[in-house]
Every structure is written in structure tokens, then in C-alpha cells.
Amino acid sequence: MDAFAIGDTVEITGPVMTGNVGTVVHLDTAREKYLVRVGGATQNYFPAEQLRLFRA
């Protein structure tokens, strides 16, 4: 699980929340998923293949 780190800004590319940009706030190593927070209150877990680093 070294594709992303806590604090990375990522764009969601998977079927849920596609196109949203958020911040990695937690690494779930047991499930191999990243918790991404979008905005102030929305967050969800995603596998690495559903995320990419965001470049403004």
C-alpha cells in the first residue's frame, strides 16, 4: 500500500463519486483501501485502482 500517502490529494476514478477530488486521511492496510475525504463531511474507502493523484 504505497501508491498514496495520508495527505495526498487524489481524484476518484471508480464507479462511485467519479470525478470528485479529496484527501487521503487513512490507510486501511488490512483491506488495502484508502479513506478519502471529500469536502468537510463526506468520505469513503477506495482501492488504489480507483484513485489517481490530482494535478491542478
N, C-alpha and C. Protein backbone atom coordinates (compact mmCIF):
# COMPACT_ATOMS: atom_id res chain seq x y z
N MET A 1 0.84 -1.19 0.00
CA MET A 1 0.00 0.00 0.00
C MET A 1 0.88 1.24 0.00
N ASP A 2 1.59 1.41 -1.06
CA ASP A 2 2.45 2.59 -1.13
C ASP A 2 2.11 3.49 -2.31
N ALA A 3 0.93 3.30 -2.90
CA ALA A 3 0.52 4.13 -4.04
C ALA A 3 0.22 5.56 -3.59
N PHE A 4 -0.37 5.71 -2.40
CA PHE A 4 -0.75 7.02 -1.88
C PHE A 4 -0.39 7.10 -0.41
N ALA A 5 -0.26 8.33 0.07
CA ALA A 5 0.06 8.56 1.48
C ALA A 5 -0.99 9.48 2.09
N ILE A 6 -1.09 9.46 3.40
CA ILE A 6 -2.01 10.36 4.09
C ILE A 6 -1.62 11.80 3.72
N GLY A 7 -2.63 12.57 3.34
CA GLY A 7 -2.40 13.95 2.93
C GLY A 7 -2.36 14.15 1.43
N ASP A 8 -2.23 13.07 0.65
CA ASP A 8 -2.23 13.18 -0.80
C ASP A 8 -3.60 13.66 -1.30
N THR A 9 -3.60 14.53 -2.29
CA THR A 9 -4.83 14.95 -2.94
C THR A 9 -5.04 14.04 -4.14
N VAL A 10 -6.20 13.39 -4.18
CA VAL A 10 -6.48 12.40 -5.21
C VAL A 10 -7.81 12.69 -5.91
N GLU A 11 -7.90 12.21 -7.15
CA GLU A 11 -9.16 12.26 -7.89
C GLU A 11 -9.73 10.85 -7.93
N ILE A 12 -11.02 10.73 -7.70
CA ILE A 12 -11.68 9.44 -7.69
C ILE A 12 -12.06 9.07 -9.12
N THR A 13 -11.68 7.86 -9.54
CA THR A 13 -11.93 7.42 -10.92
C THR A 13 -12.85 6.22 -10.99
N GLY A 14 -13.23 5.68 -9.84
CA GLY A 14 -14.07 4.48 -9.81
C GLY A 14 -15.53 4.80 -10.07
N PRO A 15 -16.39 3.79 -9.98
CA PRO A 15 -17.81 3.97 -10.29
C PRO A 15 -18.57 4.80 -9.26
N VAL A 16 -18.05 4.96 -8.06
CA VAL A 16 -18.70 5.75 -7.02
C VAL A 16 -17.94 7.06 -6.83
N MET A 17 -18.62 8.18 -6.89
CA MET A 17 -18.04 9.51 -6.66
C MET A 17 -17.03 9.91 -7.74
N THR A 18 -17.16 9.39 -8.93
CA THR A 18 -16.23 9.67 -10.02
C THR A 18 -16.07 11.17 -10.24
N GLY A 19 -14.82 11.60 -10.40
CA GLY A 19 -14.52 12.99 -10.69
C GLY A 19 -14.33 13.87 -9.47
N ASN A 20 -14.73 13.39 -8.31
CA ASN A 20 -14.53 14.17 -7.09
C ASN A 20 -13.06 14.17 -6.70
N VAL A 21 -12.64 15.25 -6.08
CA VAL A 21 -11.27 15.39 -5.58
C VAL A 21 -11.32 15.44 -4.07
N GLY A 22 -10.43 14.67 -3.44
CA GLY A 22 -10.39 14.64 -1.99
C GLY A 22 -9.00 14.38 -1.46
N THR A 23 -8.92 14.18 -0.16
CA THR A 23 -7.64 13.97 0.53
C THR A 23 -7.64 12.62 1.21
N VAL A 24 -6.55 11.88 1.06
CA VAL A 24 -6.38 10.60 1.75
C VAL A 24 -6.18 10.91 3.24
N VAL A 25 -7.06 10.34 4.09
CA VAL A 25 -6.99 10.61 5.52
C VAL A 25 -6.68 9.37 6.36
N HIS A 26 -6.73 8.18 5.74
CA HIS A 26 -6.46 6.96 6.49
C HIS A 26 -6.09 5.84 5.51
N LEU A 27 -5.20 4.95 5.96
CA LEU A 27 -4.83 3.77 5.18
C LEU A 27 -5.35 2.55 5.90
N ASP A 28 -6.20 1.77 5.26
CA ASP A 28 -6.71 0.53 5.83
C ASP A 28 -5.89 -0.60 5.22
N THR A 29 -4.79 -0.96 5.86
CA THR A 29 -3.88 -1.96 5.30
C THR A 29 -4.49 -3.35 5.27
N ALA A 30 -5.37 -3.65 6.19
CA ALA A 30 -6.00 -4.98 6.22
C ALA A 30 -6.88 -5.19 4.99
N ARG A 31 -7.61 -4.15 4.58
CA ARG A 31 -8.49 -4.26 3.41
C ARG A 31 -7.86 -3.69 2.14
N GLU A 32 -6.66 -3.12 2.27
CA GLU A 32 -5.94 -2.49 1.15
C GLU A 32 -6.79 -1.42 0.48
N LYS A 33 -7.32 -0.53 1.31
CA LYS A 33 -8.13 0.58 0.80
C LYS A 33 -7.70 1.88 1.47
N TYR A 34 -7.99 2.98 0.78
CA TYR A 34 -7.66 4.32 1.25
C TYR A 34 -8.95 5.05 1.60
N LEU A 35 -8.98 5.70 2.77
CA LEU A 35 -10.13 6.51 3.13
C LEU A 35 -9.89 7.91 2.59
N VAL A 36 -10.80 8.35 1.72
CA VAL A 36 -10.68 9.66 1.08
C VAL A 36 -11.80 10.56 1.57
N ARG A 37 -11.43 11.75 2.04
CA ARG A 37 -12.42 12.73 2.50
C ARG A 37 -12.61 13.77 1.40
N VAL A 38 -13.88 13.96 1.03
CA VAL A 38 -14.25 14.94 0.03
C VAL A 38 -15.09 16.00 0.72
N GLY A 39 -14.63 17.23 0.70
CA GLY A 39 -15.36 18.29 1.41
C GLY A 39 -15.19 18.13 2.91
N GLY A 40 -16.12 18.68 3.65
CA GLY A 40 -16.00 18.67 5.10
C GLY A 40 -16.50 17.42 5.78
N ALA A 41 -17.46 16.70 5.16
CA ALA A 41 -18.10 15.61 5.89
C ALA A 41 -18.22 14.30 5.11
N THR A 42 -17.98 14.31 3.81
CA THR A 42 -18.16 13.10 3.00
C THR A 42 -16.84 12.36 2.89
N GLN A 43 -16.87 11.06 3.14
CA GLN A 43 -15.67 10.23 2.99
C GLN A 43 -16.08 8.81 2.64
N ASN A 44 -15.15 8.10 1.99
CA ASN A 44 -15.42 6.73 1.58
C ASN A 44 -14.09 6.02 1.35
N TYR A 45 -14.12 4.68 1.40
CA TYR A 45 -12.93 3.87 1.16
C TYR A 45 -12.84 3.49 -0.32
N PHE A 46 -11.62 3.53 -0.87
CA PHE A 46 -11.39 3.18 -2.27
C PHE A 46 -10.11 2.36 -2.40
N PRO A 47 -10.10 1.38 -3.31
CA PRO A 47 -8.85 0.69 -3.63
C PRO A 47 -7.99 1.61 -4.49
N ALA A 48 -6.70 1.34 -4.56
CA ALA A 48 -5.77 2.19 -5.31
C ALA A 48 -6.14 2.35 -6.77
N GLU A 49 -6.70 1.30 -7.38
CA GLU A 49 -7.01 1.37 -8.80
C GLU A 49 -8.18 2.31 -9.12
N GLN A 50 -8.87 2.81 -8.10
CA GLN A 50 -9.98 3.74 -8.31
C GLN A 50 -9.57 5.18 -7.96
N LEU A 51 -8.27 5.41 -7.79
CA LEU A 51 -7.77 6.73 -7.45
C LEU A 51 -6.58 7.09 -8.33
N ARG A 52 -6.35 8.41 -8.49
CA ARG A 52 -5.13 8.88 -9.13
C ARG A 52 -4.76 10.20 -8.48
N LEU A 53 -3.46 10.49 -8.44
CA LEU A 53 -3.01 11.76 -7.86
C LEU A 53 -3.62 12.91 -8.64
N PHE A 54 -4.09 13.92 -7.93
CA PHE A 54 -4.69 15.08 -8.56
C PHE A 54 -3.63 16.10 -8.87
N ARG A 55 -3.61 16.55 -10.10
CA ARG A 55 -2.69 17.61 -10.54
C ARG A 55 -3.52 18.78 -11.04
N ALA A 56 -3.45 19.91 -10.36
CA ALA A 56 -4.26 21.09 -10.72
C ALA A 56 -3.76 21.75 -11.99
